Protein backbone atom coordinates (compact mmCIF):
# COMPACT_ATOMS: atom_id res chain seq x y z
CA MET A 1 43.11 82.95 137.16
CA ALA A 2 44.63 84.13 133.73
CA ILE A 3 45.26 80.52 132.66
CA CYS A 4 41.51 79.66 133.56
CA SER A 5 40.39 82.65 131.53
CA ARG A 6 42.37 81.77 128.57
CA ILE A 7 41.12 78.05 128.61
CA LEU A 8 37.40 79.37 128.90
CA LEU A 9 38.00 81.65 125.99
CA HIS A 10 39.38 78.86 123.84
CA LEU A 11 36.50 76.63 124.78
CA LEU A 12 34.05 79.34 123.83
CA VAL A 13 35.74 79.88 120.55
CA ALA A 14 35.81 76.09 119.73
CA LEU A 15 31.93 75.89 120.60
CA LEU A 16 31.37 78.77 118.35
CA LEU A 17 33.25 77.21 115.54
CA SER A 18 31.76 73.86 115.98
CA SER A 19 28.21 75.45 115.93
CA THR A 20 29.05 77.50 112.75
CA SER A 21 30.37 74.23 111.18
CA ALA A 22 27.37 72.29 112.05
CA ASN A 23 25.04 74.90 110.55
CA ALA A 24 27.24 74.94 107.31
CA ASN A 25 27.03 71.15 107.07
CA ALA A 26 23.26 71.12 107.57
CA GLU A 27 22.56 73.85 104.97
CA GLY A 28 24.98 72.22 102.59
CA ASP A 29 23.12 68.87 102.88
CA ALA A 30 19.83 70.79 102.19
CA LEU A 31 21.21 72.33 99.10
CA TYR A 32 22.80 69.18 97.90
CA ALA A 33 19.31 67.38 98.32
CA LEU A 34 18.05 69.96 95.81
CA ARG A 35 21.07 69.20 93.47
CA ARG A 36 20.22 65.52 93.52
CA ALA A 37 16.56 66.13 92.97
CA VAL A 38 16.92 68.10 89.68
CA LYS A 39 18.48 67.62 86.04
CA ASP A 40 20.87 70.41 85.28
CA PRO A 41 21.76 70.25 81.71
CA GLN A 42 23.67 73.59 81.78
CA GLY A 43 25.95 72.63 84.75
CA VAL A 44 24.32 75.61 86.92
CA LEU A 45 24.97 73.51 90.04
CA GLN A 46 28.35 72.12 89.04
CA SER A 47 30.13 73.80 91.94
CA TRP A 48 27.83 72.41 94.57
CA ASP A 49 30.26 69.86 95.89
CA PRO A 50 29.23 67.96 98.96
CA THR A 51 32.94 67.50 100.05
CA LEU A 52 33.27 71.21 100.63
CA VAL A 53 31.91 71.83 104.06
CA ASP A 54 30.88 75.38 103.47
CA PRO A 55 28.19 75.95 100.79
CA CYS A 56 28.82 79.71 100.75
CA THR A 57 31.71 78.99 98.13
CA TRP A 58 29.20 77.53 95.72
CA PHE A 59 27.95 79.55 92.74
CA HIS A 60 24.32 81.18 93.00
CA VAL A 61 24.43 80.86 96.78
CA THR A 62 24.82 84.16 98.98
CA CYS A 63 25.61 83.93 102.66
CA ASP A 64 25.84 86.43 105.67
CA ALA A 65 28.61 87.16 107.75
CA ASP A 66 27.87 83.98 109.90
CA ASN A 67 28.22 81.85 106.75
CA ARG A 68 24.36 81.09 106.82
CA VAL A 69 22.59 80.98 103.37
CA THR A 70 20.59 83.97 102.65
CA ARG A 71 19.78 83.93 99.01
CA LEU A 72 19.48 81.17 96.12
CA ASP A 73 19.59 82.76 92.62
CA LEU A 74 18.64 79.89 90.32
CA GLY A 75 16.16 81.70 88.05
CA ASN A 76 16.17 80.66 84.28
CA GLY A 77 18.68 77.85 84.75
CA LYS A 78 16.86 75.21 82.65
CA LEU A 79 16.57 73.07 85.97
CA SER A 80 13.95 70.22 85.91
CA GLY A 81 12.74 68.02 88.65
CA ASN A 82 11.26 68.45 92.07
CA LEU A 83 11.61 70.92 95.03
CA VAL A 84 12.70 69.25 98.04
CA PRO A 85 11.52 69.62 101.73
CA GLU A 86 15.01 70.05 102.89
CA LEU A 87 14.99 73.62 101.67
CA GLY A 88 12.92 74.41 104.70
CA LYS A 89 16.02 74.09 106.80
CA LEU A 90 17.66 77.19 105.38
CA GLU A 91 16.51 79.31 108.47
CA ARG A 92 18.01 82.65 107.31
CA LEU A 93 17.12 82.27 103.57
CA GLN A 94 15.68 85.57 102.48
CA TYR A 95 15.48 85.08 98.58
CA LEU A 96 14.43 81.93 97.03
CA GLU A 97 14.75 82.60 93.14
CA LEU A 98 13.74 79.39 91.25
CA TYR A 99 11.54 81.09 88.51
CA MET A 100 11.50 80.21 84.79
CA ASN A 101 12.75 76.60 85.12
CA ASN A 102 10.91 73.36 84.49
CA LEU A 103 10.14 72.29 88.05
CA VAL A 104 7.43 69.87 88.67
CA GLY A 105 5.43 68.31 91.51
CA PRO A 106 4.06 70.26 94.64
CA ILE A 107 5.44 73.22 96.59
CA PRO A 108 6.90 71.58 99.85
CA LYS A 109 4.92 72.65 102.98
CA GLU A 110 8.38 72.82 104.64
CA LEU A 111 8.92 76.15 102.96
CA GLY A 112 6.68 77.62 105.65
CA GLY A 113 9.70 77.10 107.90
CA LEU A 114 11.74 79.81 106.02
CA LYS A 115 11.11 82.47 108.70
CA SER A 116 13.48 84.91 107.34
CA LEU A 117 12.13 84.77 103.68
CA ILE A 118 11.29 88.09 101.91
CA SER A 119 10.80 86.86 98.39
CA LEU A 120 9.43 83.46 97.04
CA ASP A 121 9.70 83.44 93.24
CA LEU A 122 8.62 80.16 91.71
CA TYR A 123 6.84 81.61 88.75
CA HIS A 124 6.88 79.98 85.20
CA ASN A 125 7.58 76.35 86.12
CA ASN A 126 5.29 73.34 85.95
CA LEU A 127 4.41 73.07 89.70
CA THR A 128 1.28 71.29 90.50
CA GLY A 129 -0.97 70.64 93.72
CA PRO A 130 -2.24 73.33 96.09
CA ILE A 131 -0.60 76.38 97.54
CA PRO A 132 0.46 75.23 100.98
CA PRO A 133 -1.25 77.04 103.86
CA SER A 134 1.97 76.91 105.72
CA LEU A 135 3.34 79.83 103.58
CA SER A 136 1.17 81.94 105.92
CA LYS A 137 4.01 81.46 108.54
CA LEU A 138 6.28 83.67 106.34
CA SER A 139 5.58 86.96 108.45
CA ASN A 140 8.52 88.71 106.68
CA LEU A 141 7.43 87.86 103.01
CA LYS A 142 6.98 90.75 100.79
CA PHE A 143 6.97 89.18 97.41
CA LEU A 144 4.95 86.01 96.53
CA ARG A 145 5.02 85.11 92.75
CA LEU A 146 3.70 81.76 91.82
CA ASN A 147 2.11 82.48 88.51
CA GLY A 148 2.55 80.55 85.40
CA ASN A 149 2.36 77.08 87.00
CA ARG A 150 -0.41 74.36 87.20
CA LEU A 151 -1.32 74.78 90.75
CA SER A 152 -4.77 73.94 91.86
CA GLY A 153 -7.22 74.06 94.77
CA ARG A 154 -8.33 77.08 96.81
CA ILE A 155 -6.19 80.15 97.79
CA PRO A 156 -5.45 79.55 101.39
CA ARG A 157 -7.27 82.11 103.52
CA ASP A 158 -4.39 82.26 106.10
CA LEU A 159 -2.27 83.92 103.45
CA THR A 160 -4.41 87.02 104.26
CA LYS A 161 -2.36 87.26 107.55
CA LEU A 162 0.89 88.12 105.61
CA GLY A 163 0.92 91.83 106.71
CA ASN A 164 4.17 92.63 104.97
CA LEU A 165 3.05 91.15 101.51
CA LYS A 166 3.42 93.90 98.82
CA ILE A 167 3.27 91.83 95.66
CA LEU A 168 1.19 88.73 94.97
CA ASP A 169 0.81 86.95 91.69
CA VAL A 170 -0.97 83.67 91.25
CA SER A 171 -2.14 84.18 87.85
CA ASN A 172 -2.12 81.65 85.06
CA ASN A 173 -2.81 78.54 87.31
CA ASP A 174 -5.73 76.34 87.82
CA LEU A 175 -6.91 77.69 91.18
CA CYS A 176 -10.51 77.58 92.22
CA GLY A 177 -13.06 78.81 94.62
CA THR A 178 -13.29 82.54 95.56
CA ILE A 179 -10.55 85.17 96.02
CA PRO A 180 -9.86 86.36 99.45
CA THR A 181 -10.35 90.06 99.94
CA SER A 182 -9.46 90.48 103.68
CA GLY A 183 -6.15 91.52 105.36
CA SER A 184 -3.39 92.07 102.97
CA PHE A 185 -5.41 90.80 100.00
CA SER A 186 -7.47 93.82 100.13
CA LYS A 187 -4.79 95.84 98.18
CA PHE A 188 -4.45 93.26 95.36
CA SER A 189 -5.95 93.98 91.99
CA GLU A 190 -7.64 91.33 89.83
CA GLU A 191 -4.41 91.31 87.84
CA SER A 192 -2.93 89.14 90.55
CA PHE A 193 -5.44 86.34 89.95
CA ILE A 194 -6.37 86.35 86.23
CA ASN A 195 -6.35 83.40 84.01
CA ASN A 196 -7.49 80.78 86.61
CA PRO A 197 -10.63 79.80 84.83
CA ARG A 198 -12.14 78.02 88.08
CA LEU A 199 -11.82 81.05 90.21
CA GLU A 200 -15.18 82.70 90.90
CA GLY A 201 -14.15 86.31 91.62
CA PRO A 202 -13.68 88.29 94.78
CA GLU A 203 -15.21 86.84 97.98
CA LEU A 204 -17.62 89.64 98.88
CA MET A 205 -20.25 87.15 99.80
CA GLY A 206 -17.63 84.53 99.56
CA PHE A 207 -18.70 82.83 102.87
CA VAL A 208 -21.79 81.72 101.06
CA ARG A 209 -20.08 80.67 97.92
CA TYR A 210 -17.34 78.88 99.82
CA ALA A 211 -19.90 76.82 101.40
CA VAL A 212 -21.90 75.81 98.33
CA GLY A 213 -19.39 76.44 95.47
CA GLY A 214 -19.09 72.73 94.63
CA ASP A 215 -16.04 70.59 94.13
CA CYS A 216 -12.91 72.64 94.20
CA LYS A 217 -9.54 70.56 94.22
């Protein structure tokens, strides 16, 4: 019986190590996809070596006790290029800090899969396209700062469901339509939305204006 118990224990340990390694490989692949998609003139991502199984050894990457990525600190890194959908695979990511770079293109809808995310800071880039409605799935999100980009379209009404949201800033973009005022949005001031010339103001009677407000893309 003792031999059988030892064998079972070894099998369980092997399975656990295999699972941990698989997670590390998947998260390393996701991060390396970002490295391939951006230009990095200052070598901020130089340590992101795909031959190293564990991305927790890379600079600007923080992990938990299970070697799962919890934080990316890449603010003000002079990075240019596109965000990649693979970032949505970082299931335990809590802080995505990519502010004050020169990132372009859309915000991937796959970021809505970051179920542990607390802070999404993409401000002061050159991102375009709409704010993905999928961000409304980020139930733990407290800080959403998308200001200083070139985002367009309506503010997704589903974002009002983010009950934990404490800070919202979508100012200095090209958003249009009306400003939602229900749910978590009821506590945000006009400062969160200023310098969007095509925004028509708080919703109030917004259901009428939403229907007849003309083209908004």
